[in-house]
C-alpha cells in the first residue's frame, strides 16, 4: 500500500481509526497483541483497528515517518490525533482509543514503576553531576529533566488545582 492509497482510506473511514504497525517477528508486538484485542473489543463499533504488517509495507512506514515497531497512529476525520511507539500498557492503549474516539489529545499516565525508574535514574545522574569535586552540568541537567519527567503529571495536576483555586 502506498501513502496516497492509505491517506484515501483514512479519509474515507466511517469511524475513527487506530493503525498498528507490527511485524510477525516483533516480540513487543506479540506481547501487546492480547491486550490490544481486548481494548479493540471495548471500542468495537466506535473505533476501528487496522493492523499493517511493516515487513509488507516498508514504503508506507517510511512515508509516515514510522521509525520503530510496534507503532500506533490514531486518526479521526482523516487527521492524526496520536502517535505512540513501543509496547504500550493497557491504560495507555485505552488512552489512545479514547483520544481518537473523542478527537482530542490523549491523557497518558505513568505507571508507578515508570515513575520510580525515571526519578531514580534522574537522581543518580544528578549525584554523578555533583560528585567528584567538579560540577558537571550535562548529567546534572539530564538528571533534573528525568526527575521532572517522572513527576510531570503530578506537577501538572497541582498546577491546574492551584489555577482553579485562584479563579474563585
C-alpha atoms as a PDB file:
ATOM      1  CA  UNK A   1       0.000   0.000   0.000  1.00  0.00           C
ATOM      2  CA  UNK A   2       1.347   3.433  -0.835  1.00  0.00           C
ATOM      3  CA  UNK A   3       0.851   6.697   1.055  1.00  0.00           C
ATOM      4  CA  UNK A   4      -1.830   8.009  -1.315  1.00  0.00           C
ATOM      5  CA  UNK A   5      -3.961   4.858  -1.011  1.00  0.00           C
ATOM      6  CA  UNK A   6      -3.501   4.838   2.764  1.00  0.00           C
ATOM      7  CA  UNK A   7      -4.483   8.509   3.095  1.00  0.00           C
ATOM      8  CA  UNK A   8      -7.544   7.942   0.905  1.00  0.00           C
ATOM      9  CA  UNK A   9      -8.678   5.019   3.095  1.00  0.00           C
ATOM     10  CA  UNK A  10      -8.130   7.073   6.266  1.00  0.00           C
ATOM     11  CA  UNK A  11     -10.153   9.984   4.880  1.00  0.00           C
ATOM     12  CA  UNK A  12     -12.985   7.680   3.776  1.00  0.00           C
ATOM     13  CA  UNK A  13     -13.174   5.804   7.089  1.00  0.00           C
ATOM     14  CA  UNK A  14     -16.632   5.994   8.638  1.00  0.00           C
ATOM     15  CA  UNK A  15     -15.246   5.794  12.189  1.00  0.00           C
ATOM     16  CA  UNK A  16     -12.058   6.911  13.921  1.00  0.00           C
ATOM     17  CA  UNK A  17      -9.135   4.564  13.230  1.00  0.00           C
ATOM     18  CA  UNK A  18      -6.166   3.318  15.246  1.00  0.00           C
ATOM     19  CA  UNK A  19      -3.473   1.908  12.956  1.00  0.00           C
ATOM     20  CA  UNK A  20      -0.990  -0.537  14.474  1.00  0.00           C
ATOM     21  CA  UNK A  21       2.269  -1.132  12.614  1.00  0.00           C
ATOM     22  CA  UNK A  22       3.666  -4.513  13.597  1.00  0.00           C
ATOM     23  CA  UNK A  23       5.720  -7.481  12.343  1.00  0.00           C
ATOM     24  CA  UNK A  24       5.405 -11.231  12.954  1.00  0.00           C
ATOM     25  CA  UNK A  25       8.944 -11.406  14.434  1.00  0.00           C
ATOM     26  CA  UNK A  26       8.424  -8.436  16.801  1.00  0.00           C
ATOM     27  CA  UNK A  27       8.471  -9.514  20.476  1.00  0.00           C
ATOM     28  CA  UNK A  28       6.832  -6.338  21.865  1.00  0.00           C
ATOM     29  CA  UNK A  29       4.118  -6.642  19.171  1.00  0.00           C
ATOM     30  CA  UNK A  30       3.351 -10.219  20.300  1.00  0.00           C
ATOM     31  CA  UNK A  31       3.384  -9.145  23.951  1.00  0.00           C
ATOM     32  CA  UNK A  32       0.915  -6.313  23.307  1.00  0.00           C
ATOM     33  CA  UNK A  33      -1.419  -8.252  20.961  1.00  0.00           C
ATOM     34  CA  UNK A  34      -3.792  -9.834  23.555  1.00  0.00           C
ATOM     35  CA  UNK A  35      -4.307  -6.552  25.396  1.00  0.00           C
ATOM     36  CA  UNK A  36      -4.804  -4.700  22.119  1.00  0.00           C
ATOM     37  CA  UNK A  37      -7.528  -7.204  21.142  1.00  0.00           C
ATOM     38  CA  UNK A  38      -9.275  -6.630  24.478  1.00  0.00           C
ATOM     39  CA  UNK A  39      -9.199  -2.852  24.062  1.00  0.00           C
ATOM     40  CA  UNK A  40     -10.354  -3.206  20.446  1.00  0.00           C
ATOM     41  CA  UNK A  41     -13.365  -5.215  21.702  1.00  0.00           C
ATOM     42  CA  UNK A  42     -14.254  -2.463  24.193  1.00  0.00           C
ATOM     43  CA  UNK A  43     -14.311   0.139  21.395  1.00  0.00           C
ATOM     44  CA  UNK A  44     -15.962  -2.126  18.796  1.00  0.00           C
ATOM     45  CA  UNK A  45     -18.301  -0.132  16.580  1.00  0.00           C
ATOM     46  CA  UNK A  46     -16.822   3.171  17.775  1.00  0.00           C
ATOM     47  CA  UNK A  47     -13.132   2.949  16.776  1.00  0.00           C
ATOM     48  CA  UNK A  48     -11.660   0.651  14.118  1.00  0.00           C
ATOM     49  CA  UNK A  49      -8.267  -1.047  14.492  1.00  0.00           C
ATOM     50  CA  UNK A  50      -6.203  -1.571  11.354  1.00  0.00           C
ATOM     51  CA  UNK A  51      -3.116  -3.775  11.613  1.00  0.00           C
ATOM     52  CA  UNK A  52      -0.427  -3.163   8.989  1.00  0.00           C
ATOM     53  CA  UNK A  53       2.476  -5.580   8.637  1.00  0.00           C
ATOM     54  CA  UNK A  54       5.622  -3.434   8.461  1.00  0.00           C
ATOM     55  CA  UNK A  55       7.545  -6.086   6.523  1.00  0.00           C
ATOM     56  CA  UNK A  56       4.986  -5.986   3.721  1.00  0.00           C
ATOM     57  CA  UNK A  57       4.653  -2.165   3.655  1.00  0.00           C
ATOM     58  CA  UNK A  58       8.090  -0.597   4.278  1.00  0.00           C
ATOM     59  CA  UNK A  59       7.461   2.332   1.900  1.00  0.00           C
ATOM     60  CA  UNK A  60       4.303   3.287   3.787  1.00  0.00           C
ATOM     61  CA  UNK A  61       6.148   3.247   7.120  1.00  0.00           C
ATOM     62  CA  UNK A  62       8.921   5.447   5.689  1.00  0.00           C
ATOM     63  CA  UNK A  63       6.459   7.916   4.202  1.00  0.00           C
ATOM     64  CA  UNK A  64       4.589   8.188   7.525  1.00  0.00           C
ATOM     65  CA  UNK A  65       7.814   8.614   9.496  1.00  0.00           C
ATOM     66  CA  UNK A  66       7.351   5.415  11.497  1.00  0.00           C
ATOM     67  CA  UNK A  67      10.799   4.640  12.888  1.00  0.00           C
ATOM     68  CA  UNK A  68      10.066   1.664  15.160  1.00  0.00           C
ATOM     69  CA  UNK A  69       7.533  -1.037  15.859  1.00  0.00           C
ATOM     70  CA  UNK A  70       5.129  -1.538  17.365  1.00  0.00           C
ATOM     71  CA  UNK A  71       3.831   1.898  16.479  1.00  0.00           C
ATOM     72  CA  UNK A  72       0.289   3.165  16.692  1.00  0.00           C
ATOM     73  CA  UNK A  73      -1.192   6.165  14.920  1.00  0.00           C
ATOM     74  CA  UNK A  74      -4.726   7.290  15.678  1.00  0.00           C
ATOM     75  CA  UNK A  75      -6.840   9.177  13.146  1.00  0.00           C
ATOM     76  CA  UNK A  76     -10.170  10.955  13.407  1.00  0.00           C
ATOM     77  CA  UNK A  77     -11.792  12.565  10.367  1.00  0.00           C
ATOM     78  CA  UNK A  78      -8.613  11.942   8.370  1.00  0.00           C
ATOM     79  CA  UNK A  79      -6.350  13.815  10.811  1.00  0.00           C
ATOM     80  CA  UNK A  80      -3.650  12.323  13.013  1.00  0.00           C
ATOM     81  CA  UNK A  81      -4.595  12.634  16.697  1.00  0.00           C
ATOM     82  CA  UNK A  82      -1.998  10.491  18.451  1.00  0.00           C
ATOM     83  CA  UNK A  83       1.213   8.589  17.722  1.00  0.00           C
ATOM     84  CA  UNK A  84       2.935   6.122  20.064  1.00  0.00           C
ATOM     85  CA  UNK A  85       5.947   3.879  19.507  1.00  0.00           C
ATOM     86  CA  UNK A  86       6.841   0.834  21.568  1.00  0.00           C
ATOM     87  CA  UNK A  87       4.789  -1.639  23.565  1.00  0.00           C
ATOM     88  CA  UNK A  88       2.007   0.148  25.440  1.00  0.00           C
ATOM     89  CA  UNK A  89       0.352  -0.677  28.743  1.00  0.00           C
ATOM     90  CA  UNK A  90      -3.386  -1.303  28.870  1.00  0.00           C
ATOM     91  CA  UNK A  91      -4.110   2.188  30.309  1.00  0.00           C
ATOM     92  CA  UNK A  92      -2.080   3.768  27.502  1.00  0.00           C
ATOM     93  CA  UNK A  93      -3.851   1.676  24.849  1.00  0.00           C
ATOM     94  CA  UNK A  94      -7.198   2.737  26.292  1.00  0.00           C
ATOM     95  CA  UNK A  95      -5.994   6.360  26.290  1.00  0.00           C
ATOM     96  CA  UNK A  96      -5.091   6.068  22.580  1.00  0.00           C
ATOM     97  CA  UNK A  97      -8.534   4.675  21.663  1.00  0.00           C
ATOM     98  CA  UNK A  98     -10.358   7.214  23.864  1.00  0.00           C
ATOM     99  CA  UNK A  99      -8.414  10.135  22.388  1.00  0.00           C
ATOM    100  CA  UNK A 100      -9.113   9.007  18.835  1.00  0.00           C
ATOM    101  CA  UNK A 101     -12.802   8.497  19.608  1.00  0.00           C
ATOM    102  CA  UNK A 102     -13.126  11.946  21.236  1.00  0.00           C
ATOM    103  CA  UNK A 103     -10.862  13.658  18.675  1.00  0.00           C
ATOM    104  CA  UNK A 104      -8.660  15.181  21.383  1.00  0.00           C
ATOM    105  CA  UNK A 105      -5.093  14.763  22.654  1.00  0.00           C
ATOM    106  CA  UNK A 106      -4.555  11.640  24.778  1.00  0.00           C
ATOM    107  CA  UNK A 107      -4.088  11.667  28.538  1.00  0.00           C
ATOM    108  CA  UNK A 108      -1.319   9.183  29.335  1.00  0.00           C
ATOM    109  CA  UNK A 109      -0.480   8.189  32.882  1.00  0.00           C
ATOM    110  CA  UNK A 110       2.855   6.876  34.128  1.00  0.00           C
ATOM    111  CA  UNK A 111       2.794   3.607  35.994  1.00  0.00           C
ATOM    112  CA  UNK A 112       4.426   3.646  39.416  1.00  0.00           C
ATOM    113  CA  UNK A 113       7.272   1.512  38.015  1.00  0.00           C
ATOM    114  CA  UNK A 114       7.938   4.021  35.208  1.00  0.00           C
ATOM    115  CA  UNK A 115       7.807   6.855  37.708  1.00  0.00           C
ATOM    116  CA  UNK A 116      10.292   5.189  40.090  1.00  0.00           C
ATOM    117  CA  UNK A 117      12.702   4.274  37.275  1.00  0.00           C
ATOM    118  CA  UNK A 118      12.698   7.813  35.855  1.00  0.00           C
ATOM    119  CA  UNK A 119      13.050   9.525  39.218  1.00  0.00           C
ATOM    120  CA  UNK A 120      15.744   7.049  40.331  1.00  0.00           C
ATOM    121  CA  UNK A 121      17.751   7.374  37.106  1.00  0.00           C
ATOM    122  CA  UNK A 122      17.418  11.157  37.252  1.00  0.00           C
ATOM    123  CA  UNK A 123      18.577  11.287  40.856  1.00  0.00           C
ATOM    124  CA  UNK A 124      21.557   9.055  40.023  1.00  0.00           C
ATOM    125  CA  UNK A 125      22.564  11.333  37.148  1.00  0.00           C
ATOM    126  CA  UNK A 126      22.259  14.363  39.403  1.00  0.00           C
ATOM    127  CA  UNK A 127      24.530  12.723  42.001  1.00  0.00           C
ATOM    128  CA  UNK A 128      27.068  11.943  39.269  1.00  0.00           C
ATOM    129  CA  UNK A 129      26.910  15.567  38.126  1.00  0.00           C
ATOM    130  CA  UNK A 130      27.551  16.828  41.656  1.00  0.00           C
ATOM    131  CA  UNK A 131      30.209  14.305  42.699  1.00  0.00           C
ATOM    132  CA  UNK A 132      33.929  14.171  42.158  1.00  0.00           C
ATOM    133  CA  UNK A 133      34.702  17.754  43.084  1.00  0.00           C
ATOM    134  CA  UNK A 134      33.930  19.003  39.573  1.00  0.00           C
ATOM    135  CA  UNK A 135      30.484  20.285  38.760  1.00  0.00           C
ATOM    136  CA  UNK A 136      29.361  18.524  35.566  1.00  0.00           C
ATOM    137  CA  UNK A 137      26.373  20.264  34.042  1.00  0.00           C
ATOM    138  CA  UNK A 138      25.317  17.686  31.451  1.00  0.00           C
ATOM    139  CA  UNK A 139      24.441  14.842  33.862  1.00  0.00           C
ATOM    140  CA  UNK A 140      23.030  17.375  36.317  1.00  0.00           C
ATOM    141  CA  UNK A 141      20.656  18.842  33.705  1.00  0.00           C
ATOM    142  CA  UNK A 142      19.766  15.419  32.236  1.00  0.00           C
ATOM    143  CA  UNK A 143      19.035  14.118  35.742  1.00  0.00           C
ATOM    144  CA  UNK A 144      16.844  17.109  36.528  1.00  0.00           C
ATOM    145  CA  UNK A 145      14.881  16.608  33.318  1.00  0.00           C
ATOM    146  CA  UNK A 146      14.350  12.902  34.111  1.00  0.00           C
ATOM    147  CA  UNK A 147      13.166  13.672  37.658  1.00  0.00           C
ATOM    148  CA  UNK A 148      10.727  16.305  36.351  1.00  0.00           C
ATOM    149  CA  UNK A 149       9.547  13.943  33.606  1.00  0.00           C
ATOM    150  CA  UNK A 150       8.877  11.282  36.234  1.00  0.00           C
ATOM    151  CA  UNK A 151       6.707  13.738  38.168  1.00  0.00           C
ATOM    152  CA  UNK A 152       5.259  15.757  35.258  1.00  0.00           C
ATOM    153  CA  UNK A 153       1.668  14.527  35.527  1.00  0.00           C
ATOM    154  CA  UNK A 154       1.634  15.138  39.298  1.00  0.00           C
ATOM    155  CA  UNK A 155       3.110  18.617  38.843  1.00  0.00           C
ATOM    156  CA  UNK A 156       0.584  19.447  36.115  1.00  0.00           C
ATOM    157  CA  UNK A 157      -2.309  18.306  38.335  1.00  0.00           C
ATOM    158  CA  UNK A 158      -1.013  20.550  41.149  1.00  0.00           C
ATOM    159  CA  UNK A 159      -0.667  23.487  38.759  1.00  0.00           C
ATOM    160  CA  UNK A 160      -4.215  23.020  37.451  1.00  0.00           C
ATOM    161  CA  UNK A 161      -5.528  22.677  41.009  1.00  0.00           C
ATOM    162  CA  UNK A 162      -3.801  25.898  42.052  1.00  0.00           C
ATOM    163  CA  UNK A 163      -5.098  27.781  38.979  1.00  0.00           C
ATOM    164  CA  UNK A 164      -8.661  26.610  39.602  1.00  0.00           C
ATOM    165  CA  UNK A 165      -8.419  27.776  43.218  1.00  0.00           C
ATOM    166  CA  UNK A 166      -7.090  31.190  42.176  1.00  0.00           C
ATOM    167  CA  UNK A 167     -10.025  31.827  39.815  1.00  0.00           C
ATOM    168  CA  UNK A 168     -12.621  31.746  42.607  1.00  0.00           C
END
